[in-house]
């Protein structure tokens, strides 16, 4: 699942490489997506790299390699760049699974230590929580992993938090909140566009979103650019 801008950029890079054998320049990408500065392109490329769609080739200028494409981009043509951000849900290969069998009484909320929580999508997709208008599934989860408050589930995509024990494909239980303590793992919304699962570090007037994988850099932002959408309280994994 990608944001609209990430989706457009991936299409543009892929088409340019297929046509010319060379990835486009940052200026060309900026103009194609109608962005005002190259810093936005840097953020989009970093997000695509973290999610395993592209990689930068070392010691070569303008060197990007496409590693994979989402299912919905296999035959997609580039779309005109939007003038302003309009949140939307992009499928990106997320398929609704058959509901987890649970007794009918569970539908009311919980029973015998089990709660049924909504699944809202994939956290590493970058789609803002507010942009998701409906759940894609419901999953029974142990009530022992939760306390009071509202909770939801996101499926993890990517490996930026593997040293915190969070792997690609894991399902994380998130408690909805708008603040967290330094050191907690949170769902952070950056620039009202990109949602990511990272460890929150408060450093003076700045906020750092820290990956748990040495291959991914810590990203630092001003406090007005980051809002907390929830914090990690539990994790479920299928083998």
Protein backbone atom coordinates (compact mmCIF):
# COMPACT_ATOMS: atom_id res chain seq x y z
CA UNK A 1 0.00 0.00 0.00
CA UNK A 2 1.51 3.29 -1.10
CA UNK A 3 0.51 6.92 -0.88
CA UNK A 4 -0.63 8.50 -4.11
CA UNK A 5 2.66 10.41 -4.49
CA UNK A 6 4.79 7.31 -3.75
CA UNK A 7 2.71 5.38 -6.30
CA UNK A 8 3.16 8.11 -8.95
CA UNK A 9 6.90 8.39 -8.33
CA UNK A 10 7.44 4.63 -8.58
CA UNK A 11 5.55 4.54 -11.89
CA UNK A 12 7.57 7.50 -13.22
CA UNK A 13 10.95 6.00 -12.24
CA UNK A 14 10.04 2.58 -13.63
CA UNK A 15 8.83 3.99 -16.96
CA UNK A 16 11.91 6.20 -17.36
CA UNK A 17 14.31 3.30 -16.66
CA UNK A 18 12.42 1.05 -19.09
CA UNK A 19 12.54 3.70 -21.83
CA UNK A 20 16.04 5.11 -21.42
CA UNK A 21 17.91 2.72 -19.14
CA UNK A 22 18.68 5.62 -16.78
CA UNK A 23 16.72 6.75 -13.75
CA UNK A 24 15.38 10.32 -13.84
CA UNK A 25 17.07 13.22 -12.07
CA UNK A 26 15.64 14.70 -8.88
CA UNK A 27 14.62 17.81 -10.83
CA UNK A 28 12.76 15.67 -13.37
CA UNK A 29 11.00 13.78 -10.59
CA UNK A 30 10.09 17.02 -8.84
CA UNK A 31 8.58 18.47 -12.02
CA UNK A 32 6.74 15.24 -12.87
CA UNK A 33 5.05 15.16 -9.46
CA UNK A 34 4.48 18.94 -9.38
CA UNK A 35 6.38 19.35 -6.10
CA UNK A 36 7.90 22.66 -5.06
CA UNK A 37 11.21 21.31 -3.76
CA UNK A 38 13.50 18.31 -4.08
CA UNK A 39 13.21 17.61 -0.34
CA UNK A 40 9.81 16.06 -1.02
CA UNK A 41 11.39 13.74 -3.58
CA UNK A 42 14.09 12.75 -1.06
CA UNK A 43 11.36 11.77 1.44
CA UNK A 44 9.43 9.78 -1.17
CA UNK A 45 12.54 7.91 -2.33
CA UNK A 46 13.52 7.13 1.27
CA UNK A 47 10.01 5.80 1.93
CA UNK A 48 10.09 3.62 -1.20
CA UNK A 49 13.56 2.36 -0.27
CA UNK A 50 12.46 1.49 3.28
CA UNK A 51 9.51 -0.43 1.89
CA UNK A 52 11.72 -2.46 -0.45
CA UNK A 53 10.44 -1.11 -3.78
CA UNK A 54 13.69 0.56 -4.89
CA UNK A 55 17.34 0.77 -3.91
CA UNK A 56 20.05 3.32 -4.53
CA UNK A 57 23.10 1.99 -6.32
CA UNK A 58 26.31 3.12 -4.57
CA UNK A 59 28.95 5.29 -6.25
CA UNK A 60 26.73 6.13 -9.19
CA UNK A 61 24.84 9.36 -9.83
CA UNK A 62 21.15 9.15 -10.64
CA UNK A 63 21.27 5.41 -9.96
CA UNK A 64 18.04 3.87 -8.74
CA UNK A 65 17.01 0.26 -9.22
CA UNK A 66 13.44 -1.00 -9.13
CA UNK A 67 13.29 -4.08 -6.90
CA UNK A 68 9.59 -4.83 -7.13
CA UNK A 69 6.25 -3.36 -8.14
CA UNK A 70 2.91 -3.66 -6.31
CA UNK A 71 0.32 -5.89 -7.97
CA UNK A 72 -1.81 -2.94 -9.02
CA UNK A 73 1.13 -1.40 -10.92
CA UNK A 74 1.83 -4.37 -13.16
CA UNK A 75 -0.07 -2.79 -16.04
CA UNK A 76 -0.73 0.68 -14.65
CA UNK A 77 0.06 3.81 -16.62
CA UNK A 78 1.31 7.00 -14.94
CA UNK A 79 -1.42 9.24 -13.64
CA UNK A 80 -1.25 13.03 -13.74
CA UNK A 81 0.23 14.44 -10.55
CA UNK A 82 -2.29 15.88 -8.17
CA UNK A 83 -2.03 19.54 -7.23
CA UNK A 84 -2.62 18.86 -3.56
CA UNK A 85 -2.61 15.85 -1.25
CA UNK A 86 -5.89 13.97 -1.11
CA UNK A 87 -5.73 10.95 1.22
CA UNK A 88 -6.93 7.71 -0.31
CA UNK A 89 -6.53 4.01 0.28
CA UNK A 90 -4.38 2.19 -2.26
CA UNK A 91 -4.80 -1.58 -2.42
CA UNK A 92 -1.10 -2.41 -2.92
CA UNK A 93 -1.67 -6.15 -2.70
CA UNK A 94 -3.48 -6.22 0.66
CA UNK A 95 -6.15 -8.86 0.39
CA UNK A 96 -8.95 -9.41 2.82
CA UNK A 97 -8.60 -12.79 4.45
CA UNK A 98 -11.43 -15.04 5.49
CA UNK A 99 -12.62 -13.90 8.94
CA UNK A 100 -11.00 -15.64 11.88
CA UNK A 101 -13.61 -18.09 13.23
CA UNK A 102 -14.87 -16.81 16.58
CA UNK A 103 -18.11 -17.42 18.50
CA UNK A 104 -20.96 -15.07 17.63
CA UNK A 105 -20.85 -13.46 21.06
CA UNK A 106 -17.40 -12.11 20.23
CA UNK A 107 -18.96 -9.74 17.69
CA UNK A 108 -20.14 -7.57 20.54
CA UNK A 109 -16.54 -6.85 21.56
CA UNK A 110 -14.90 -9.48 23.75
CA UNK A 111 -15.49 -12.61 25.79
CA UNK A 112 -13.38 -15.05 27.76
CA UNK A 113 -10.24 -12.98 27.31
CA UNK A 114 -10.65 -12.49 23.55
CA UNK A 115 -11.36 -9.20 21.77
CA UNK A 116 -12.16 -8.69 18.12
CA UNK A 117 -10.26 -5.73 16.65
CA UNK A 118 -10.50 -3.98 13.27
CA UNK A 119 -7.61 -4.35 10.82
CA UNK A 120 -6.98 -0.96 9.17
CA UNK A 121 -4.28 -1.84 6.63
CA UNK A 122 -0.49 -1.93 6.47
CA UNK A 123 1.57 0.45 8.57
CA UNK A 124 4.60 0.73 6.28
CA UNK A 125 2.35 1.73 3.35
CA UNK A 126 2.38 5.36 4.34
CA UNK A 127 -1.31 5.90 4.25
CA UNK A 128 -2.55 8.21 7.02
CA UNK A 129 -4.83 6.56 9.56
CA UNK A 130 -7.45 9.28 8.96
CA UNK A 131 -7.58 8.37 5.27
CA UNK A 132 -8.76 4.84 5.97
CA UNK A 133 -12.52 5.02 5.96
CA UNK A 134 -13.33 1.38 6.66
CA UNK A 135 -11.74 -1.71 8.11
CA UNK A 136 -10.44 -4.42 5.79
CA UNK A 137 -10.84 -7.28 8.25
CA UNK A 138 -11.47 -8.16 11.89
CA UNK A 139 -9.20 -10.40 13.94
CA UNK A 140 -9.64 -11.97 17.35
CA UNK A 141 -6.83 -10.86 19.67
CA UNK A 142 -5.97 -11.76 23.29
CA UNK A 143 -7.43 -9.17 25.63
CA UNK A 144 -4.35 -9.64 27.83
CA UNK A 145 -2.34 -7.68 25.25
CA UNK A 146 -4.52 -4.63 25.74
CA UNK A 147 -5.65 -2.32 28.49
CA UNK A 148 -8.38 0.26 28.44
CA UNK A 149 -9.04 2.46 25.43
CA UNK A 150 -9.56 1.97 21.70
CA UNK A 151 -7.33 -0.41 19.77
CA UNK A 152 -6.78 -1.45 16.17
CA UNK A 153 -4.48 -3.73 14.20
CA UNK A 154 -2.01 -2.91 11.41
CA UNK A 155 0.01 -5.34 9.33
CA UNK A 156 3.72 -4.53 9.24
CA UNK A 157 5.42 -4.20 5.86
CA UNK A 158 9.20 -3.85 5.73
CA UNK A 159 12.16 -4.61 7.98
CA UNK A 160 12.97 -1.27 9.60
CA UNK A 161 12.02 -2.56 13.10
CA UNK A 162 13.44 -6.10 13.04
CA UNK A 163 15.84 -5.54 15.96
CA UNK A 164 12.82 -4.61 18.09
CA UNK A 165 11.39 -8.05 17.26
CA UNK A 166 8.93 -6.68 14.67
CA UNK A 167 9.14 -8.54 11.37
CA UNK A 168 7.62 -8.09 7.95
CA UNK A 169 4.09 -9.56 7.99
CA UNK A 170 3.60 -9.25 11.76
CA UNK A 171 0.32 -7.83 13.04
CA UNK A 172 0.76 -5.08 15.62
CA UNK A 173 -1.89 -4.03 18.11
CA UNK A 174 -2.03 -0.25 18.42
CA UNK A 175 -3.70 1.74 21.18
CA UNK A 176 -5.13 4.91 19.70
CA UNK A 177 -3.62 7.99 21.36
CA UNK A 178 -2.14 11.35 20.41
CA UNK A 179 0.96 11.38 22.65
CA UNK A 180 3.64 8.97 23.79
CA UNK A 181 6.73 8.93 25.97
CA UNK A 182 10.24 9.03 24.55
CA UNK A 183 11.37 5.48 23.77
CA UNK A 184 7.93 4.08 22.96
CA UNK A 185 7.17 2.56 19.54
CA UNK A 186 4.44 4.57 17.86
CA UNK A 187 2.46 5.04 14.70
CA UNK A 188 3.74 8.47 13.64
CA UNK A 189 2.19 10.60 10.91
CA UNK A 190 4.76 12.80 9.15
CA UNK A 191 3.65 15.93 7.31
CA UNK A 192 0.05 14.66 7.45
CA UNK A 193 0.89 12.24 4.64
CA UNK A 194 3.21 9.41 5.61
CA UNK A 195 2.47 7.00 8.45
CA UNK A 196 5.33 4.91 9.83
CA UNK A 197 6.02 2.58 12.77
CA UNK A 198 9.14 3.80 14.59
CA UNK A 199 10.54 4.38 18.07
CA UNK A 200 9.85 7.92 19.24
CA UNK A 201 12.70 9.97 20.69
CA UNK A 202 12.16 13.48 21.98
CA UNK A 203 15.30 15.61 21.69
CA UNK A 204 14.72 19.14 22.88
CA UNK A 205 12.45 20.83 20.38
CA UNK A 206 12.93 18.04 17.82
CA UNK A 207 11.37 14.62 17.38
CA UNK A 208 13.40 11.67 16.13
CA UNK A 209 11.79 8.60 14.55
CA UNK A 210 14.27 5.82 15.18
CA UNK A 211 14.41 2.58 13.20
CA UNK A 212 15.47 -0.69 14.81
CA UNK A 213 17.67 -1.77 11.92
CA UNK A 214 21.16 -0.32 11.27
CA UNK A 215 20.42 -0.22 7.54
CA UNK A 216 17.80 2.49 8.10
CA UNK A 217 18.63 6.00 9.27
CA UNK A 218 17.03 7.87 12.16
CA UNK A 219 14.93 10.72 10.80
CA UNK A 220 14.61 13.97 12.78
CA UNK A 221 11.73 16.43 12.42
CA UNK A 222 10.35 19.57 13.99
CA UNK A 223 7.48 18.94 16.43
CA UNK A 224 4.95 20.52 14.07
CA UNK A 225 5.68 17.88 11.40
CA UNK A 226 4.95 14.75 13.46
CA UNK A 227 1.73 13.64 15.13
CA UNK A 228 1.25 10.42 17.10
CA UNK A 229 -1.62 8.21 15.89
CA UNK A 230 -1.19 5.46 18.46
CA UNK A 231 1.38 3.37 20.31
CA UNK A 232 2.37 -0.28 20.12
CA UNK A 233 0.92 -2.45 22.90
CA UNK A 234 1.05 -5.94 21.39
CA UNK A 235 2.15 -8.09 18.46
CA UNK A 236 0.81 -11.24 16.81
CA UNK A 237 2.70 -13.46 14.37
CA UNK A 238 1.67 -16.35 12.14
CA UNK A 239 4.06 -19.24 11.38
